[in-house]
Amino acid sequence: MNNNARVMEDQVPSSNIPQEQGNYYQNPEGPRFQNPAQFSTATQPLQEQPPVAPDFQEMRRLALEQAIQQVTQQPVPQPIAQVAPQAPQYSQPETNTVYVRRNLTLAEILVMFALSCGLVLGLQASWFIATDLLPRIEIREK
């Protein structure tokens, strides 16, 4: 039996193939790590640095430069010849109309109900008069 076991050992390779660099990896072609600590530190996303406080002096300087550029780029209005002084023109300020959606009150609901009932009953009564009562009226001559 020993001979048979040796023959079988020679024919069947071992299932534990030693790794070249390490057992911890994400991609077989990628980097390999020796222990779980190295693997976890390498696979963690980079920590974002806390935001730096804005430089207000630099922001003020840039704003001042932009304001100066805007003023210097605008055409300077030419002075107009003196004309008789005009009366000051007054314009009404624009009115902002705001529409507010609200629920109907009980009184408004009752008024609408009365109007709709009156309209329906009035139409039915006029139709009855026009089609039933008017044809019954006879005109007599003396």
Protein backbone atom coordinates (compact mmCIF):
# COMPACT_ATOMS: atom_id res chain seq x y z
CA MET A 1 0.00 0.00 0.00
CA ASN A 2 2.80 2.35 0.56
CA ASN A 3 3.75 2.15 -3.05
CA ASN A 4 0.21 2.97 -4.14
CA ALA A 5 0.08 5.98 -1.81
CA ARG A 6 3.34 7.32 -3.19
CA VAL A 7 2.12 6.95 -6.74
CA MET A 8 -1.06 8.79 -5.90
CA GLU A 9 0.85 11.58 -4.17
CA ASP A 10 2.94 12.03 -7.27
CA GLN A 11 -0.09 12.17 -9.55
CA VAL A 12 -2.38 14.51 -7.60
CA PRO A 13 -1.01 17.96 -6.77
CA SER A 14 -1.67 19.52 -3.40
CA SER A 15 -4.79 21.70 -3.16
CA ASN A 16 -3.01 24.33 -1.05
CA ILE A 17 -1.01 26.34 -3.55
CA PRO A 18 1.27 28.77 -1.70
CA GLN A 19 0.60 32.40 -2.53
CA GLU A 20 3.43 34.43 -3.92
CA GLN A 21 2.96 37.66 -1.97
CA GLY A 22 -0.02 37.41 0.41
CA ASN A 23 -3.49 36.01 0.97
CA TYR A 24 -5.42 39.32 1.15
CA TYR A 25 -6.35 40.95 -2.14
CA GLN A 26 -9.32 42.39 -4.05
CA ASN A 27 -8.19 41.65 -7.55
CA PRO A 28 -5.94 38.65 -8.41
CA GLU A 29 -3.82 40.89 -10.63
CA GLY A 30 -3.80 43.71 -8.05
CA PRO A 31 -1.71 44.27 -4.93
CA ARG A 32 -1.56 41.58 -2.23
CA PHE A 33 -1.28 42.17 1.52
CA GLN A 34 0.24 40.00 4.25
CA ASN A 35 -2.33 40.60 7.02
CA PRO A 36 -5.91 41.87 7.43
CA ALA A 37 -4.80 45.18 8.96
CA GLN A 38 -2.80 46.14 5.86
CA PHE A 39 -5.70 45.07 3.65
CA SER A 40 -8.31 47.10 5.57
CA THR A 41 -6.17 50.26 5.67
CA ALA A 42 -5.47 50.03 1.95
CA THR A 43 -9.11 49.42 0.99
CA GLN A 44 -10.62 52.17 3.18
CA PRO A 45 -11.49 55.33 1.29
CA LEU A 46 -9.25 58.27 1.93
CA GLN A 47 -10.44 60.50 4.75
CA GLU A 48 -11.51 63.91 3.52
CA GLN A 49 -9.72 66.81 5.09
CA PRO A 50 -11.89 69.22 7.08
CA PRO A 51 -12.85 72.32 5.08
CA VAL A 52 -10.51 75.23 5.45
CA ALA A 53 -12.01 78.47 6.75
CA PRO A 54 -12.56 80.96 3.91
CA ASP A 55 -10.13 83.84 3.61
CA PHE A 56 -12.36 86.87 4.06
CA GLN A 57 -9.62 89.39 3.31
CA GLU A 58 -9.00 87.76 -0.06
CA MET A 59 -12.73 87.62 -0.77
CA ARG A 60 -13.11 91.35 0.00
CA ARG A 61 -10.17 92.19 -2.24
CA LEU A 62 -11.64 90.17 -5.14
CA ALA A 63 -15.07 91.75 -4.65
CA LEU A 64 -13.54 95.22 -4.69
CA GLU A 65 -11.61 94.45 -7.89
CA GLN A 66 -14.75 93.10 -9.58
CA ALA A 67 -16.75 96.16 -8.54
CA ILE A 68 -14.10 98.49 -9.93
CA GLN A 69 -14.03 96.55 -13.20
CA GLN A 70 -17.81 96.70 -13.51
CA VAL A 71 -17.86 100.44 -12.93
CA THR A 72 -15.00 101.16 -15.33
CA GLN A 73 -16.44 98.96 -18.09
CA GLN A 74 -19.84 100.68 -18.10
CA PRO A 75 -20.11 103.59 -20.53
CA VAL A 76 -20.19 106.92 -18.79
CA PRO A 77 -23.46 108.73 -19.60
CA GLN A 78 -22.91 111.91 -21.54
CA PRO A 79 -24.35 115.04 -19.92
CA ILE A 80 -27.47 116.26 -21.72
CA ALA A 81 -27.91 119.90 -22.52
CA GLN A 82 -29.94 121.77 -19.95
CA VAL A 83 -33.60 121.61 -20.83
CA ALA A 84 -36.40 123.29 -18.95
CA PRO A 85 -36.82 121.57 -15.62
CA GLN A 86 -39.50 118.97 -15.75
CA ALA A 87 -41.98 118.25 -13.05
CA PRO A 88 -40.98 115.20 -11.05
CA GLN A 89 -42.67 112.11 -12.35
CA TYR A 90 -44.37 110.02 -9.75
CA SER A 91 -45.10 106.43 -10.47
CA GLN A 92 -47.18 104.13 -8.41
CA PRO A 93 -45.27 101.27 -6.92
CA GLU A 94 -46.06 97.89 -8.36
CA THR A 95 -48.65 96.06 -6.36
CA ASN A 96 -47.98 92.43 -5.68
CA THR A 97 -51.20 90.47 -5.75
CA VAL A 98 -51.07 87.36 -3.64
CA TYR A 99 -53.79 84.75 -4.10
CA VAL A 100 -54.47 82.66 -1.05
CA ARG A 101 -56.36 79.40 -1.38
CA ARG A 102 -58.81 78.81 1.44
CA ASN A 103 -61.75 76.57 2.25
CA LEU A 104 -65.31 77.82 1.70
CA THR A 105 -67.27 78.93 4.74
CA LEU A 106 -70.62 77.39 5.67
CA ALA A 107 -72.48 80.51 4.52
CA GLU A 108 -70.78 80.41 1.10
CA ILE A 109 -71.66 76.73 0.71
CA LEU A 110 -75.32 77.38 1.60
CA VAL A 111 -75.54 80.29 -0.87
CA MET A 112 -74.08 78.13 -3.64
CA PHE A 113 -76.49 75.31 -2.80
CA ALA A 114 -79.49 77.69 -2.89
CA LEU A 115 -78.39 79.21 -6.21
CA SER A 116 -77.84 75.82 -7.83
CA CYS A 117 -81.20 74.49 -6.57
CA GLY A 118 -82.95 77.65 -7.81
CA LEU A 119 -81.29 77.39 -11.20
CA VAL A 120 -82.20 73.71 -11.64
CA LEU A 121 -85.78 74.14 -10.45
CA GLY A 122 -86.22 77.31 -12.55
CA LEU A 123 -85.07 75.54 -15.70
CA GLN A 124 -87.37 72.59 -15.04
CA ALA A 125 -90.35 74.89 -14.35
CA SER A 126 -89.78 76.95 -17.51
CA TRP A 127 -89.48 73.75 -19.58
CA PHE A 128 -92.74 72.46 -18.07
CA ILE A 129 -94.53 75.73 -18.82
CA ALA A 130 -93.20 75.90 -22.37
CA THR A 131 -93.99 72.30 -23.32
CA ASP A 132 -97.09 71.39 -21.27
CA LEU A 133 -99.11 74.45 -20.24
CA LEU A 134 -98.68 76.75 -23.25
CA PRO A 135 -100.02 74.25 -25.80
CA ARG A 136 -103.23 73.84 -23.71
CA ILE A 137 -104.15 77.50 -23.86
CA GLU A 138 -106.89 78.09 -26.44
CA ILE A 139 -107.43 81.36 -28.16
CA ARG A 140 -111.16 82.19 -28.49
CA GLU A 141 -112.69 84.78 -30.70
CA LYS A 142 -115.80 86.72 -29.69
